[in-house]
Amino acid sequence: MYKADTILEVQNLVTQFHAGKKIVRAVNNVSFTLARGSTLGIVGESGSGKSSMALSLMRLIDPHLGQISGTTITIEGNNILLLAEKEMKNIRGNRMSMIFQEPMTSLNPVFTIGYQIIETLQLHQQISKKEATERCIELLNLVKISAPHQRMKDYPHQVSGGMRQRVMIAIALACSPSVLIADEPTTALDVTTQAQIIDLMQKLQEETHMGIILITHDLGLVAEMCDQVAVMYCGRIIEKSSVKEIFEHPLHPYTYALLDSMPGGMGTNNDCRLKTIPGMVPPLHSLPVGCNFQDRCFQVGKRCTKQEPLLEALEAEHSAACFYPLHKADRSKLKGS
């Protein structure tokens, strides 16, 4: 049910692609809500469907290659699945914006930074070029780019990776969106620049109260920025709860394994070697019968090979898709191992 403080509600989102004669579901019945001023982290290995989900929310999947369906993608009460493409253009980049993984390929190399920001402003807002230029300078100041009058004349290749990412944030925030989707916003940036970008996003969220969907494989970043976490595997959300609950009491063996692969891990032993999850994510065109994680799971049982578990609430406000979840006694045994 859509609530007053809910900015975005996604129900049963499905994104499928044509792979030869087969249909592959990159996003499979994904549902979640995003509250105003909160941050939802979407985590999982490469190939888990995180970026496909983000592109689906923006309706940026090429219709010749794939198809988006579902019950609703509701932003501020409007179901965008029902909108024509012309109407969707008023939502995309306006009420809902996205920071893409690689700013060098997302920014147009033949246009200046200023031109690209001004174009976004004039596309969605009925303002003159002079007003758009003034707003462009304000945005560059907002994202902490010095000498904005000069920088707006630069081309993307003339500035650093960190500055290009700040330009992408400026474009995404140009029309004061209600929802910001950040797809790996700190990838390929040095540690100092990463910290600056994270700090910038948090400050801007405090000022504008926008909701943020943070897509990342960096669990440390999730712990620092997010309020809620959804863990994806093979296109499905397999665990969902608050950050504190996920990090302290993971229920799904996959979530536990992800956390255990971090430096320090989940255990209490003194082994300094980094742990890995055995095996690989199965290809989407040949998923196993039953649970998709069964071949890599330390908790696998007979039921896992016959039936696919559904995401359901196993503890208060903590959902997982697992027949044999890690309850507190199980987690204690694993930590002591």
Protein backbone atom coordinates (compact mmCIF):
# COMPACT_ATOMS: atom_id res chain seq x y z
CA MET A 1 0.00 0.00 0.00
CA TYR A 2 1.34 3.43 -1.01
CA LYS A 3 1.99 5.62 2.05
CA ALA A 4 2.36 9.39 2.34
CA ASP A 5 6.10 9.21 3.10
CA THR A 6 6.75 6.65 0.34
CA ILE A 7 8.34 8.23 -2.72
CA LEU A 8 8.82 5.08 -4.78
CA GLU A 9 6.99 1.76 -4.65
CA VAL A 10 7.98 -1.16 -6.90
CA GLN A 11 5.80 -4.25 -7.13
CA ASN A 12 6.66 -7.44 -9.03
CA LEU A 13 9.10 -5.80 -11.45
CA VAL A 14 10.18 -8.16 -14.24
CA THR A 15 12.76 -7.40 -16.92
CA GLN A 16 13.41 -10.04 -19.55
CA PHE A 17 15.72 -10.18 -22.54
CA HIS A 18 15.76 -12.29 -25.67
CA ALA A 19 18.77 -14.64 -25.74
CA GLY A 20 18.42 -16.49 -29.01
CA LYS A 21 15.28 -18.60 -28.72
CA LYS A 22 15.25 -18.28 -24.94
CA ILE A 23 13.78 -15.61 -22.67
CA VAL A 24 16.10 -14.58 -19.83
CA ARG A 25 14.78 -12.80 -16.75
CA ALA A 26 17.46 -10.38 -15.53
CA VAL A 27 15.03 -8.94 -12.96
CA ASN A 28 12.55 -11.39 -11.52
CA ASN A 29 9.55 -10.23 -9.44
CA VAL A 30 11.40 -7.53 -7.50
CA SER A 31 9.40 -5.49 -4.97
CA PHE A 32 10.46 -2.76 -2.54
CA THR A 33 9.57 0.71 -1.28
CA LEU A 34 11.68 3.84 -0.80
CA ALA A 35 10.79 6.47 1.79
CA ARG A 36 11.47 10.19 1.46
CA GLY A 37 14.92 11.12 2.77
CA SER A 38 16.06 7.49 3.12
CA THR A 39 18.66 5.41 1.28
CA LEU A 40 18.10 1.86 0.04
CA GLY A 41 21.19 -0.18 -0.77
CA ILE A 42 20.99 -2.82 -3.52
CA VAL A 43 23.90 -5.26 -3.20
CA GLY A 44 25.06 -8.45 -4.88
CA GLU A 45 27.74 -9.87 -7.14
CA SER A 46 28.18 -8.89 -10.78
CA GLY A 47 25.38 -10.44 -12.81
CA SER A 48 22.85 -10.33 -10.00
CA GLY A 49 20.57 -7.89 -11.86
CA LYS A 50 21.32 -4.66 -9.97
CA SER A 51 22.01 -2.43 -12.98
CA SER A 52 19.22 -4.00 -15.07
CA MET A 53 16.82 -3.16 -12.26
CA ALA A 54 18.05 0.45 -12.18
CA LEU A 55 17.66 0.87 -15.94
CA SER A 56 14.21 -0.67 -15.69
CA LEU A 57 13.13 1.86 -13.06
CA MET A 58 14.15 4.61 -15.49
CA ARG A 59 12.54 2.71 -18.39
CA LEU A 60 15.82 2.78 -20.28
CA ILE A 61 15.73 -0.83 -21.51
CA ASP A 62 15.79 -0.91 -25.32
CA PRO A 63 12.38 -2.37 -26.30
CA HIS A 64 14.04 -4.21 -29.21
CA LEU A 65 16.24 -6.10 -26.75
CA GLY A 66 14.12 -6.52 -23.65
CA GLN A 67 10.77 -5.96 -22.02
CA ILE A 68 9.79 -4.38 -18.69
CA SER A 69 6.64 -5.49 -16.92
CA GLY A 70 5.21 -5.66 -13.42
CA THR A 71 2.32 -4.56 -11.26
CA THR A 72 3.49 -1.01 -10.53
CA ILE A 73 6.49 1.32 -10.44
CA THR A 74 4.87 4.17 -8.55
CA ILE A 75 6.71 7.46 -8.03
CA GLU A 76 4.88 10.03 -5.96
CA GLY A 77 1.60 8.24 -6.70
CA ASN A 78 2.08 7.89 -10.49
CA ASN A 79 2.51 4.44 -12.04
CA ILE A 80 5.18 4.98 -14.69
CA LEU A 81 4.53 1.57 -16.28
CA LEU A 82 1.30 3.06 -17.64
CA LEU A 83 2.89 6.20 -19.09
CA ALA A 84 3.60 6.79 -22.77
CA GLU A 85 7.23 7.49 -23.67
CA LYS A 86 6.51 11.21 -24.10
CA GLU A 87 5.06 11.34 -20.57
CA MET A 88 7.97 9.26 -19.24
CA LYS A 89 10.42 11.88 -20.51
CA ASN A 90 8.86 14.33 -18.05
CA ILE A 91 9.63 11.90 -15.20
CA ARG A 92 13.08 10.72 -16.32
CA GLY A 93 15.78 13.23 -15.37
CA ASN A 94 13.15 15.36 -13.66
CA ARG A 95 11.36 13.52 -10.81
CA MET A 96 13.69 10.52 -10.99
CA SER A 97 17.35 10.80 -11.99
CA MET A 98 20.29 8.42 -12.28
CA ILE A 99 24.05 8.60 -11.82
CA PHE A 100 25.56 6.01 -14.13
CA GLN A 101 28.57 3.79 -13.42
CA GLU A 102 31.09 5.38 -15.77
CA PRO A 103 30.79 9.17 -16.25
CA MET A 104 33.26 9.23 -19.15
CA THR A 105 30.89 7.13 -21.27
CA SER A 106 27.74 8.74 -19.87
CA LEU A 107 28.79 12.33 -20.67
CA ASN A 108 28.81 13.32 -24.33
CA PRO A 109 32.47 13.91 -25.32
CA VAL A 110 31.65 16.45 -28.05
CA PHE A 111 29.70 18.88 -25.83
CA THR A 112 30.97 21.00 -22.97
CA ILE A 113 30.03 20.28 -19.38
CA GLY A 114 27.99 23.47 -19.21
CA TYR A 115 26.08 22.66 -22.39
CA GLN A 116 25.02 19.27 -21.04
CA ILE A 117 23.76 20.68 -17.73
CA ILE A 118 21.95 23.58 -19.46
CA GLU A 119 20.36 21.14 -21.93
CA THR A 120 18.94 19.10 -19.05
CA LEU A 121 17.51 22.21 -17.39
CA GLN A 122 15.88 23.57 -20.54
CA LEU A 123 14.48 20.15 -21.46
CA HIS A 124 12.50 19.84 -18.23
CA GLN A 125 11.97 23.43 -17.08
CA GLN A 126 10.51 26.36 -18.95
CA ILE A 127 13.44 28.74 -18.40
CA SER A 128 15.59 30.91 -20.65
CA LYS A 129 19.18 30.07 -21.56
CA LYS A 130 20.38 32.87 -19.26
CA GLU A 131 18.44 31.42 -16.32
CA ALA A 132 19.70 27.92 -17.15
CA THR A 133 23.29 29.18 -17.27
CA GLU A 134 22.92 30.81 -13.86
CA ARG A 135 21.42 27.59 -12.49
CA CYS A 136 24.29 25.61 -14.06
CA ILE A 137 26.82 27.71 -12.14
CA GLU A 138 24.83 27.18 -8.93
CA LEU A 139 24.84 23.41 -9.49
CA LEU A 140 28.60 23.29 -10.13
CA ASN A 141 29.12 25.23 -6.91
CA LEU A 142 26.73 22.86 -5.14
CA VAL A 143 28.83 19.81 -6.11
CA LYS A 144 32.03 21.60 -5.03
CA ILE A 145 33.56 22.27 -8.46
CA SER A 146 35.81 25.31 -8.23
CA ALA A 147 35.84 28.08 -10.87
CA PRO A 148 32.47 27.00 -12.31
CA HIS A 149 32.47 29.77 -14.96
CA GLN A 150 35.60 28.20 -16.44
CA ARG A 151 34.76 24.54 -15.85
CA MET A 152 31.42 24.77 -17.64
CA LYS A 153 33.42 25.52 -20.82
CA ASP A 154 35.51 22.37 -20.45
CA TYR A 155 34.88 19.10 -22.25
CA PRO A 156 34.60 15.85 -20.22
CA HIS A 157 38.09 14.65 -21.21
CA GLN A 158 39.62 17.82 -19.77
CA VAL A 159 38.62 17.10 -16.18
CA SER A 160 39.45 14.31 -13.70
CA GLY A 161 37.34 11.22 -13.03
CA GLY A 162 36.19 12.59 -9.68
CA MET A 163 35.16 15.88 -11.29
CA ARG A 164 33.27 14.05 -14.05
CA GLN A 165 31.37 12.17 -11.37
CA ARG A 166 30.50 15.49 -9.71
CA VAL A 167 29.23 16.76 -13.07
CA MET A 168 27.03 13.65 -13.34
CA ILE A 169 25.64 14.40 -9.89
CA ALA A 170 25.00 18.02 -10.91
CA ILE A 171 23.06 16.84 -13.99
CA ALA A 172 21.12 14.32 -11.91
CA LEU A 173 20.19 17.01 -9.35
CA ALA A 174 19.47 19.74 -11.90
CA CYS A 175 15.70 19.42 -11.62
CA SER A 176 15.56 18.58 -7.89
CA PRO A 177 14.44 14.94 -8.27
CA SER A 178 12.51 13.07 -5.61
CA VAL A 179 14.44 9.86 -6.34
CA LEU A 180 18.14 9.56 -7.18
CA ILE A 181 19.47 6.21 -8.45
CA ALA A 182 23.24 5.94 -7.96
CA ASP A 183 24.71 2.97 -9.85
CA GLU A 184 28.21 2.30 -8.46
CA PRO A 185 28.84 6.06 -8.02
CA THR A 186 32.38 5.62 -6.66
CA THR A 187 33.69 2.93 -9.03
CA ALA A 188 37.25 3.55 -10.28
CA LEU A 189 37.73 6.56 -7.99
CA ASP A 190 40.54 6.82 -5.47
CA VAL A 191 39.70 6.47 -1.77
CA THR A 192 39.85 10.21 -1.05
CA THR A 193 37.58 11.10 -3.97
CA GLN A 194 35.19 8.30 -3.01
CA ALA A 195 34.84 9.78 0.48
CA GLN A 196 34.20 13.24 -0.99
CA ILE A 197 31.49 11.94 -3.34
CA ILE A 198 29.77 10.03 -0.53
CA ASP A 199 29.90 13.05 1.78
CA LEU A 200 28.47 15.23 -1.01
CA MET A 201 25.56 12.87 -1.67
CA GLN A 202 24.70 12.66 2.04
CA LYS A 203 24.73 16.45 2.44
CA LEU A 204 22.58 16.95 -0.64
CA GLN A 205 20.11 14.37 0.65
CA GLU A 206 19.87 16.19 3.98
CA GLU A 207 19.11 19.43 2.15
CA THR A 208 16.60 18.10 -0.39
CA HIS A 209 15.12 15.06 1.44
CA MET A 210 15.33 13.01 -1.77
CA GLY A 211 15.27 9.23 -1.62
CA ILE A 212 18.40 7.45 -2.85
CA ILE A 213 18.78 3.97 -4.32
CA LEU A 214 22.45 3.05 -3.98
CA ILE A 215 23.53 0.16 -6.20
CA THR A 216 26.91 -1.20 -5.18
CA HIS A 217 29.02 -4.25 -4.35
CA ASP A 218 30.83 -2.27 -1.64
CA LEU A 219 29.36 -3.39 1.69
CA GLY A 220 31.39 -0.80 3.57
CA LEU A 221 29.68 1.91 1.54
CA VAL A 222 26.30 0.35 2.33
CA ALA A 223 27.06 0.37 6.06
CA GLU A 224 27.97 4.07 5.88
CA MET A 225 25.17 5.40 3.66
CA CYS A 226 22.10 3.18 3.74
CA ASP A 227 19.07 2.76 5.98
CA GLN A 228 17.69 -0.37 4.31
CA VAL A 229 19.37 -3.13 2.26
CA ALA A 230 18.09 -5.49 -0.42
CA VAL A 231 20.40 -8.35 -1.43
CA MET A 232 20.02 -9.57 -5.02
CA TYR A 233 21.01 -12.89 -6.56
CA CYS A 234 20.16 -14.09 -10.09
CA GLY A 235 17.67 -11.27 -10.60
CA ARG A 236 15.77 -11.81 -7.35
CA ILE A 237 15.83 -10.07 -3.98
CA ILE A 238 16.77 -12.86 -1.58
CA GLU A 239 17.02 -10.83 1.65
CA LYS A 240 15.74 -7.44 2.76
CA SER A 241 15.93 -5.57 6.07
CA SER A 242 17.55 -2.63 7.86
CA VAL A 243 21.31 -2.14 7.58
CA LYS A 244 21.84 -2.91 11.25
CA GLU A 245 19.83 -6.12 11.10
CA ILE A 246 21.47 -7.35 7.89
CA PHE A 247 25.00 -6.75 9.14
CA GLU A 248 24.42 -8.16 12.63
CA HIS A 249 21.94 -10.97 11.89
CA PRO A 250 21.94 -12.09 8.24
CA LEU A 251 19.35 -14.78 7.60
CA HIS A 252 20.26 -15.92 4.08
CA PRO A 253 23.46 -17.99 3.64
CA TYR A 254 24.37 -15.85 0.60
CA THR A 255 24.19 -12.63 2.63
CA TYR A 256 26.28 -14.27 5.36
CA ALA A 257 28.85 -15.36 2.76
CA LEU A 258 29.03 -11.84 1.29
CA LEU A 259 29.64 -10.34 4.71
CA ASP A 260 32.14 -13.07 5.55
CA SER A 261 34.15 -12.23 2.44
CA MET A 262 34.84 -8.73 3.79
CA PRO A 263 38.12 -8.08 5.66
CA GLY A 264 37.49 -9.34 9.19
CA GLY A 265 34.50 -11.37 8.00
CA MET A 266 31.73 -12.66 10.24
CA GLY A 267 33.85 -15.14 12.20
CA THR A 268 35.87 -14.76 15.37
CA ASN A 269 39.04 -16.65 14.38
CA ASN A 270 42.41 -15.00 13.76
CA ASP A 271 42.79 -16.14 10.16
CA CYS A 272 43.74 -12.99 8.21
CA ARG A 273 43.14 -14.49 4.78
CA LEU A 274 40.16 -13.15 2.81
CA LYS A 275 37.36 -15.64 2.35
CA THR A 276 35.60 -16.28 -0.95
CA ILE A 277 32.26 -17.74 -1.96
CA PRO A 278 32.89 -21.03 -3.79
CA GLY A 279 31.60 -21.46 -7.32
CA MET A 280 30.09 -18.83 -9.61
CA VAL A 281 26.74 -17.16 -10.20
CA PRO A 282 24.83 -19.50 -12.55
CA PRO A 283 24.05 -18.15 -16.03
CA LEU A 284 20.53 -16.76 -16.26
CA HIS A 285 19.73 -18.87 -19.31
CA SER A 286 20.33 -22.14 -17.41
CA LEU A 287 19.30 -21.65 -13.79
CA PRO A 288 19.00 -24.78 -11.64
CA VAL A 289 15.67 -26.22 -10.52
CA GLY A 290 14.97 -24.98 -7.02
CA CYS A 291 17.09 -22.39 -5.22
CA ASN A 292 19.55 -20.56 -7.48
CA PHE A 293 22.18 -20.50 -4.71
CA GLN A 294 22.07 -24.24 -3.97
CA ASP A 295 25.42 -25.18 -5.61
CA ARG A 296 27.31 -22.64 -3.49
CA CYS A 297 25.40 -22.89 -0.23
CA PHE A 298 26.74 -24.39 3.03
CA GLN A 299 23.16 -24.71 4.35
CA VAL A 300 21.65 -26.56 1.36
CA GLY A 301 19.00 -29.22 1.96
CA LYS A 302 16.90 -31.58 -0.17
CA ARG A 303 14.07 -29.09 -0.46
CA CYS A 304 16.44 -26.53 -2.06
CA THR A 305 16.94 -28.75 -5.13
CA LYS A 306 13.24 -29.16 -5.82
CA GLN A 307 11.51 -25.88 -5.01
CA GLU A 308 12.42 -22.20 -5.29
CA PRO A 309 12.06 -20.33 -1.96
CA LEU A 310 9.98 -17.15 -1.96
CA LEU A 311 10.87 -13.93 -0.18
CA GLU A 312 8.88 -13.80 3.05
CA ALA A 313 9.08 -12.20 6.48
CA LEU A 314 10.99 -14.55 8.81
CA GLU A 315 11.60 -12.06 11.61
CA ALA A 316 10.14 -8.62 12.37
CA GLU A 317 10.74 -6.44 9.28
CA HIS A 318 13.34 -8.91 8.05
CA SER A 319 12.59 -10.97 4.95
CA ALA A 320 14.57 -13.75 3.28
CA ALA A 321 14.02 -16.31 0.52
CA CYS A 322 15.43 -19.42 2.19
CA PHE A 323 14.11 -22.77 3.42
CA TYR A 324 16.93 -23.11 5.95
CA PRO A 325 17.65 -19.54 7.18
CA LEU A 326 20.45 -18.80 9.62
CA HIS A 327 18.72 -18.25 12.92
CA LYS A 328 20.71 -17.05 15.91
CA ALA A 329 21.89 -20.52 17.01
CA ASP A 330 23.20 -21.29 13.51
CA ARG A 331 25.02 -17.95 13.27
CA SER A 332 26.71 -18.54 16.63
CA LYS A 333 28.05 -21.90 15.44
CA LEU A 334 29.39 -20.36 12.22
CA LYS A 335 31.10 -17.51 14.06
CA GLY A 336 32.86 -19.94 16.31
CA SER A 337 34.08 -22.10 13.44
